[in-house]
Amino acid sequence: MTHHIDNRQTQRNAKPTYEVASHCKKNGIDKSEARKIVQMLGRFASRHELEVNAPPRKPKFRY
């Protein structure tokens, strides 16, 4: 799926987007949760969207 983007319509300081699947893999999110996030956000999303929609992390305790 490709789109033509007119250069006059883009912003100069556009926020970077990240690939959702690689972000989930890097942060240890299991495959079922990653599939839900991809369905909700699409293949690419901003960092804020990824952090807000990520499942809560399990605490790591040291004894």
PDB file of N, CA and C in Angstrom:
ATOM      1  N   MET A   1       0.839  -1.162   0.000  1.00  0.00           N
ATOM      2  CA  MET A   1       0.000   0.000   0.000  1.00  0.00           C
ATOM      3  C   MET A   1       0.892   1.235   0.000  1.00  0.00           C
ATOM      4  N   THR A   2       0.922   1.939  -1.087  1.00  0.00           N
ATOM      5  CA  THR A   2       1.743   3.145  -1.184  1.00  0.00           C
ATOM      6  C   THR A   2       0.862   4.338  -1.457  1.00  0.00           C
ATOM      7  N   HIS A   3       1.316   5.480  -1.000  1.00  0.00           N
ATOM      8  CA  HIS A   3       0.590   6.718  -1.203  1.00  0.00           C
ATOM      9  C   HIS A   3       1.557   7.766  -1.731  1.00  0.00           C
ATOM     10  N   HIS A   4       1.059   8.617  -2.585  1.00  0.00           N
ATOM     11  CA  HIS A   4       1.848   9.745  -3.041  1.00  0.00           C
ATOM     12  C   HIS A   4       1.700  10.869  -2.025  1.00  0.00           C
ATOM     13  N   ILE A   5       2.827  11.395  -1.557  1.00  0.00           N
ATOM     14  CA  ILE A   5       2.807  12.477  -0.588  1.00  0.00           C
ATOM     15  C   ILE A   5       3.341  13.733  -1.254  1.00  0.00           C
ATOM     16  N   ASP A   6       2.539  14.759  -1.249  1.00  0.00           N
ATOM     17  CA  ASP A   6       2.950  16.042  -1.797  1.00  0.00           C
ATOM     18  C   ASP A   6       3.887  16.710  -0.801  1.00  0.00           C
ATOM     19  N   ASN A   7       5.037  17.182  -1.255  1.00  0.00           N
ATOM     20  CA  ASN A   7       6.023  17.784  -0.360  1.00  0.00           C
ATOM     21  C   ASN A   7       5.481  19.017   0.354  1.00  0.00           C
ATOM     22  N   ARG A   8       4.523  19.683  -0.229  1.00  0.00           N
ATOM     23  CA  ARG A   8       3.981  20.885   0.389  1.00  0.00           C
ATOM     24  C   ARG A   8       3.049  20.565   1.553  1.00  0.00           C
ATOM     25  N   GLN A   9       2.623  19.316   1.668  1.00  0.00           N
ATOM     26  CA  GLN A   9       1.701  18.944   2.732  1.00  0.00           C
ATOM     27  C   GLN A   9       2.410  18.412   3.976  1.00  0.00           C
ATOM     28  N   THR A  10       3.674  18.090   3.889  1.00  0.00           N
ATOM     29  CA  THR A  10       4.386  17.510   5.029  1.00  0.00           C
ATOM     30  C   THR A  10       4.898  18.614   5.950  1.00  0.00           C
ATOM     31  N   GLN A  11       5.109  18.240   7.192  1.00  0.00           N
ATOM     32  CA  GLN A  11       5.643  19.184   8.173  1.00  0.00           C
ATOM     33  C   GLN A  11       7.157  19.052   8.206  1.00  0.00           C
ATOM     34  N   ARG A  12       7.817  20.138   8.495  1.00  0.00           N
ATOM     35  CA  ARG A  12       9.272  20.082   8.574  1.00  0.00           C
ATOM     36  C   ARG A  12       9.745  19.319   9.801  1.00  0.00           C
ATOM     37  N   ASN A  13       9.064  19.468  10.905  1.00  0.00           N
ATOM     38  CA  ASN A  13       9.471  18.794  12.136  1.00  0.00           C
ATOM     39  C   ASN A  13       8.488  17.668  12.466  1.00  0.00           C
ATOM     40  N   ALA A  14       8.339  16.750  11.545  1.00  0.00           N
ATOM     41  CA  ALA A  14       7.431  15.625  11.741  1.00  0.00           C
ATOM     42  C   ALA A  14       8.023  14.658  12.767  1.00  0.00           C
ATOM     43  N   LYS A  15       7.164  14.057  13.573  1.00  0.00           N
ATOM     44  CA  LYS A  15       7.628  13.123  14.594  1.00  0.00           C
ATOM     45  C   LYS A  15       8.005  11.797  13.951  1.00  0.00           C
ATOM     46  N   PRO A  16       9.066  11.166  14.437  1.00  0.00           N
ATOM     47  CA  PRO A  16       9.466   9.886  13.850  1.00  0.00           C
ATOM     48  C   PRO A  16       8.460   8.792  14.183  1.00  0.00           C
ATOM     49  N   THR A  17       8.323   7.843  13.279  1.00  0.00           N
ATOM     50  CA  THR A  17       7.445   6.709  13.507  1.00  0.00           C
ATOM     51  C   THR A  17       8.301   5.460  13.635  1.00  0.00           C
ATOM     52  N   TYR A  18       7.787   4.482  14.348  1.00  0.00           N
ATOM     53  CA  TYR A  18       8.507   3.253  14.615  1.00  0.00           C
ATOM     54  C   TYR A  18       7.674   2.073  14.157  1.00  0.00           C
ATOM     55  N   GLU A  19       8.337   0.990  13.769  1.00  0.00           N
ATOM     56  CA  GLU A  19       7.629  -0.211  13.372  1.00  0.00           C
ATOM     57  C   GLU A  19       7.141  -0.918  14.624  1.00  0.00           C
ATOM     58  N   VAL A  20       5.862  -1.212  14.668  1.00  0.00           N
ATOM     59  CA  VAL A  20       5.226  -1.742  15.866  1.00  0.00           C
ATOM     60  C   VAL A  20       5.749  -3.141  16.195  1.00  0.00           C
ATOM     61  N   ALA A  21       5.898  -3.999  15.190  1.00  0.00           N
ATOM     62  CA  ALA A  21       6.336  -5.372  15.436  1.00  0.00           C
ATOM     63  C   ALA A  21       7.744  -5.419  16.026  1.00  0.00           C
ATOM     64  N   SER A  22       8.657  -4.625  15.501  1.00  0.00           N
ATOM     65  CA  SER A  22      10.021  -4.634  16.031  1.00  0.00           C
ATOM     66  C   SER A  22      10.069  -4.017  17.429  1.00  0.00           C
ATOM     67  N   HIS A  23       9.230  -3.029  17.692  1.00  0.00           N
ATOM     68  CA  HIS A  23       9.170  -2.431  19.025  1.00  0.00           C
ATOM     69  C   HIS A  23       8.698  -3.463  20.059  1.00  0.00           C
ATOM     70  N   CYS A  24       7.673  -4.237  19.683  1.00  0.00           N
ATOM     71  CA  CYS A  24       7.155  -5.262  20.589  1.00  0.00           C
ATOM     72  C   CYS A  24       8.196  -6.339  20.853  1.00  0.00           C
ATOM     73  N   LYS A  25       8.911  -6.736  19.805  1.00  0.00           N
ATOM     74  CA  LYS A  25       9.941  -7.757  19.967  1.00  0.00           C
ATOM     75  C   LYS A  25      11.071  -7.254  20.856  1.00  0.00           C
ATOM     76  N   LYS A  26      11.460  -6.002  20.664  1.00  0.00           N
ATOM     77  CA  LYS A  26      12.559  -5.419  21.434  1.00  0.00           C
ATOM     78  C   LYS A  26      12.196  -5.279  22.907  1.00  0.00           C
ATOM     79  N   ASN A  27      10.923  -5.001  23.203  1.00  0.00           N
ATOM     80  CA  ASN A  27      10.499  -4.773  24.576  1.00  0.00           C
ATOM     81  C   ASN A  27       9.909  -6.010  25.248  1.00  0.00           C
ATOM     82  N   GLY A  28       9.968  -7.155  24.597  1.00  0.00           N
ATOM     83  CA  GLY A  28       9.543  -8.405  25.215  1.00  0.00           C
ATOM     84  C   GLY A  28       8.042  -8.563  25.368  1.00  0.00           C
ATOM     85  N   ILE A  29       7.282  -7.985  24.462  1.00  0.00           N
ATOM     86  CA  ILE A  29       5.826  -8.130  24.492  1.00  0.00           C
ATOM     87  C   ILE A  29       5.485  -9.411  23.744  1.00  0.00           C
ATOM     88  N   ASP A  30       4.656 -10.266  24.352  1.00  0.00           N
ATOM     89  CA  ASP A  30       4.357 -11.554  23.732  1.00  0.00           C
ATOM     90  C   ASP A  30       3.563 -11.380  22.439  1.00  0.00           C
ATOM     91  N   LYS A  31       3.518 -12.462  21.652  1.00  0.00           N
ATOM     92  CA  LYS A  31       2.971 -12.382  20.296  1.00  0.00           C
ATOM     93  C   LYS A  31       1.490 -12.028  20.264  1.00  0.00           C
ATOM     94  N   SER A  32       0.714 -12.525  21.220  1.00  0.00           N
ATOM     95  CA  SER A  32      -0.721 -12.215  21.201  1.00  0.00           C
ATOM     96  C   SER A  32      -0.978 -10.736  21.490  1.00  0.00           C
ATOM     97  N   GLU A  33      -0.249 -10.171  22.436  1.00  0.00           N
ATOM     98  CA  GLU A  33      -0.379  -8.741  22.720  1.00  0.00           C
ATOM     99  C   GLU A  33       0.145  -7.907  21.550  1.00  0.00           C
ATOM    100  N   ALA A  34       1.232  -8.357  20.930  1.00  0.00           N
ATOM    101  CA  ALA A  34       1.783  -7.633  19.780  1.00  0.00           C
ATOM    102  C   ALA A  34       0.782  -7.615  18.633  1.00  0.00           C
ATOM    103  N   ARG A  35       0.079  -8.721  18.416  1.00  0.00           N
ATOM    104  CA  ARG A  35      -0.929  -8.787  17.357  1.00  0.00           C
ATOM    105  C   ARG A  35      -2.052  -7.792  17.629  1.00  0.00           C
ATOM    106  N   LYS A  36      -2.475  -7.674  18.892  1.00  0.00           N
ATOM    107  CA  LYS A  36      -3.529  -6.719  19.243  1.00  0.00           C
ATOM    108  C   LYS A  36      -3.079  -5.281  18.995  1.00  0.00           C
ATOM    109  N   ILE A  37      -1.834  -4.995  19.342  1.00  0.00           N
ATOM    110  CA  ILE A  37      -1.318  -3.635  19.164  1.00  0.00           C
ATOM    111  C   ILE A  37      -1.204  -3.298  17.682  1.00  0.00           C
ATOM    112  N   VAL A  38      -0.766  -4.264  16.866  1.00  0.00           N
ATOM    113  CA  VAL A  38      -0.658  -4.028  15.424  1.00  0.00           C
ATOM    114  C   VAL A  38      -2.039  -3.796  14.824  1.00  0.00           C
ATOM    115  N   GLN A  39      -3.035  -4.547  15.268  1.00  0.00           N
ATOM    116  CA  GLN A  39      -4.392  -4.342  14.756  1.00  0.00           C
ATOM    117  C   GLN A  39      -4.929  -2.978  15.156  1.00  0.00           C
ATOM    118  N   MET A  40      -4.572  -2.530  16.346  1.00  0.00           N
ATOM    119  CA  MET A  40      -5.090  -1.263  16.838  1.00  0.00           C
ATOM    120  C   MET A  40      -4.378  -0.062  16.197  1.00  0.00           C
ATOM    121  N   LEU A  41      -3.040  -0.112  16.076  1.00  0.00           N
ATOM    122  CA  LEU A  41      -2.276   1.044  15.620  1.00  0.00           C
ATOM    123  C   LEU A  41      -1.834   0.966  14.164  1.00  0.00           C
ATOM    124  N   GLY A  42      -1.770  -0.219  13.602  1.00  0.00           N
ATOM    125  CA  GLY A  42      -1.236  -0.377  12.253  1.00  0.00           C
ATOM    126  C   GLY A  42       0.230  -0.763  12.324  1.00  0.00           C
ATOM    127  N   ARG A  43       0.901  -0.790  11.178  1.00  0.00           N
ATOM    128  CA  ARG A  43       2.307  -1.224  11.145  1.00  0.00           C
ATOM    129  C   ARG A  43       3.259  -0.209  11.763  1.00  0.00           C
ATOM    130  N   PHE A  44       2.926   1.073  11.676  1.00  0.00           N
ATOM    131  CA  PHE A  44       3.811   2.119  12.180  1.00  0.00           C
ATOM    132  C   PHE A  44       3.049   3.013  13.147  1.00  0.00           C
ATOM    133  N   ALA A  45       3.751   3.480  14.187  1.00  0.00           N
ATOM    134  CA  ALA A  45       3.130   4.348  15.183  1.00  0.00           C
ATOM    135  C   ALA A  45       4.202   5.225  15.822  1.00  0.00           C
ATOM    136  N   SER A  46       3.758   6.293  16.467  1.00  0.00           N
ATOM    137  CA  SER A  46       4.702   7.162  17.168  1.00  0.00           C
ATOM    138  C   SER A  46       5.103   6.511  18.495  1.00  0.00           C
ATOM    139  N   ARG A  47       6.153   7.004  19.076  1.00  0.00           N
ATOM    140  CA  ARG A  47       6.650   6.445  20.337  1.00  0.00           C
ATOM    141  C   ARG A  47       5.605   6.595  21.446  1.00  0.00           C
ATOM    142  N   HIS A  48       4.919   7.723  21.474  1.00  0.00           N
ATOM    143  CA  HIS A  48       3.911   7.952  22.501  1.00  0.00           C
ATOM    144  C   HIS A  48       2.775   6.942  22.393  1.00  0.00           C
ATOM    145  N   GLU A  49       2.295   6.685  21.178  1.00  0.00           N
ATOM    146  CA  GLU A  49       1.227   5.699  20.995  1.00  0.00           C
ATOM    147  C   GLU A  49       1.665   4.314  21.440  1.00  0.00           C
ATOM    148  N   LEU A  50       2.909   3.960  21.149  1.00  0.00           N
ATOM    149  CA  LEU A  50       3.412   2.649  21.545  1.00  0.00           C
ATOM    150  C   LEU A  50       3.509   2.524  23.061  1.00  0.00           C
ATOM    151  N   GLU A  51       4.007   3.550  23.717  1.00  0.00           N
ATOM    152  CA  GLU A  51       4.170   3.484  25.169  1.00  0.00           C
ATOM    153  C   GLU A  51       2.830   3.492  25.894  1.00  0.00           C
ATOM    154  N   VAL A  52       1.866   4.254  25.401  1.00  0.00           N
ATOM    155  CA  VAL A  52       0.559   4.332  26.051  1.00  0.00           C
ATOM    156  C   VAL A  52      -0.202   3.021  25.910  1.00  0.00           C
ATOM    157  N   ASN A  53      -0.100   2.368  24.757  1.00  0.00           N
ATOM    158  CA  ASN A  53      -0.876   1.165  24.498  1.00  0.00           C
ATOM    159  C   ASN A  53      -0.157  -0.127  24.853  1.00  0.00           C
ATOM    160  N   ALA A  54       1.057  -0.045  25.365  1.00  0.00           N
ATOM    161  CA  ALA A  54       1.785  -1.256  25.754  1.00  0.00           C
ATOM    162  C   ALA A  54       1.175  -1.829  27.034  1.00  0.00           C
ATOM    163  N   PRO A  55       1.175  -3.165  27.153  1.00  0.00           N
ATOM    164  CA  PRO A  55       0.643  -3.764  28.376  1.00  0.00           C
ATOM    165  C   PRO A  55       1.564  -3.454  29.553  1.00  0.00           C
ATOM    166  N   PRO A  56       1.030  -3.458  30.779  1.00  0.00           N
ATOM    167  CA  PRO A  56       1.890  -3.172  31.936  1.00  0.00           C
ATOM    168  C   PRO A  56       2.971  -4.232  32.079  1.00  0.00           C
ATOM    169  N   ARG A  57       4.138  -3.797  32.503  1.00  0.00           N
ATOM    170  CA  ARG A  57       5.275  -4.710  32.662  1.00  0.00           C
ATOM    171  C   ARG A  57       5.202  -5.413  34.004  1.00  0.00           C
ATOM    172  N   LYS A  58       5.722  -6.619  34.025  1.00  0.00           N
ATOM    173  CA  LYS A  58       5.801  -7.353  35.277  1.00  0.00           C
ATOM    174  C   LYS A  58       6.971  -6.782  36.090  1.00  0.00           C
ATOM    175  N   PRO A  59       6.797  -6.631  37.407  1.00  0.00           N
ATOM    176  CA  PRO A  59       7.886  -6.082  38.218  1.00  0.00           C
ATOM    177  C   PRO A  59       9.051  -7.078  38.309  1.00  0.00           C
ATOM    178  N   LYS A  60      10.249  -6.540  38.356  1.00  0.00           N
ATOM    179  CA  LYS A  60      11.446  -7.377  38.495  1.00  0.00           C
ATOM    180  C   LYS A  60      11.992  -7.137  39.895  1.00  0.00           C
ATOM    181  N   PHE A  61      11.828  -8.109  40.750  1.00  0.00           N
ATOM    182  CA  PHE A  61      12.299  -7.985  42.115  1.00  0.00           C
ATOM    183  C   PHE A  61      13.650  -8.667  42.279  1.00  0.00           C
ATOM    184  N   ARG A  62      14.480  -8.077  43.082  1.00  0.00           N
ATOM    185  CA  ARG A  62      15.756  -8.712  43.410  1.00  0.00           C
ATOM    186  C   ARG A  62      15.709  -9.127  44.873  1.00  0.00           C
ATOM    187  N   TYR A  63      16.198 -10.308  45.150  1.00  0.00           N
ATOM    188  CA  TYR A  63      16.241 -10.784  46.540  1.00  0.00           C
ATOM    189  C   TYR A  63      17.644 -11.011  46.976  1.00  0.00           C
TER     190      TYR A  63
END
